[in-house]
Amino acid sequence: MKRALIVLLFLPGALLAQTNTTVKPGWRSIATAGFSAGESGASPVFQLSGGITYRRFFNGIGMGYSSYEFNSFPVFADWRMNFGKQQLVFVYAMPGYNIPGKFTREVNFFGTLDERLRGGFYLDAGIGYRIPLGLLSRLSFSAGYVRKSVSHEKVYSYPCGIVPCSETPPDKYVYRYNYGLITTKLSWELGR
């Protein structure tokens, strides 16, 4: 899986190295807002990425916020390829890692509950269409599929109830969630 991710990240660069160098690379930043929907309803998604454009390709890095079920902050590589003479249609892939956003600890009479979220794989891929607003500005609409993985760890610790006290080992439960979501997004692109 890691090898496939590395190949996806560097494939556009390798393809560009074999072409004519008369076209200069440009820069582009992309701000995105949208919704991801699954079995538990729809939740907002925000992303910000930036990178380099060359001919039909865009390679960049970015980060975002996803609030579906568990708050998380995905960090990803952003790859896009444009189609057509005016390059208005594009496909995109954003593989990366999900950084969890929450940690809680509850203490009551019966014991202590520690909850930890652990990150996992993140992928956002789909197709889109852009509308030029000027020389350096575009509005784009996209739809795609999001894969979000999160582990939820719960550890229950209990106080000593009988004298002499003996250490009771805590109970530990790990729940692994792999969400497959449909996403729609509206983006503002600035740059060449």
Foldseek 3Di string as FASTA:
>chain_A
DVVVVVCVQCVVVVVVVPDDPPWDKKKKKKWKWWWKQDPVGIDIKTKIWMAIDDDFKTWIWIWIWTPPVFTWIWTWIKIKGFDDPVRFKIKIKTKTKIGGDDWDWDQDQFWIKTKDKHMGIKMWIWMKGWDDPDDFKIKMKIKTKIKGKMKIKIWTAGDADDPPGDGDHIDIDIDIDIDIIIMIMMMMMGMD
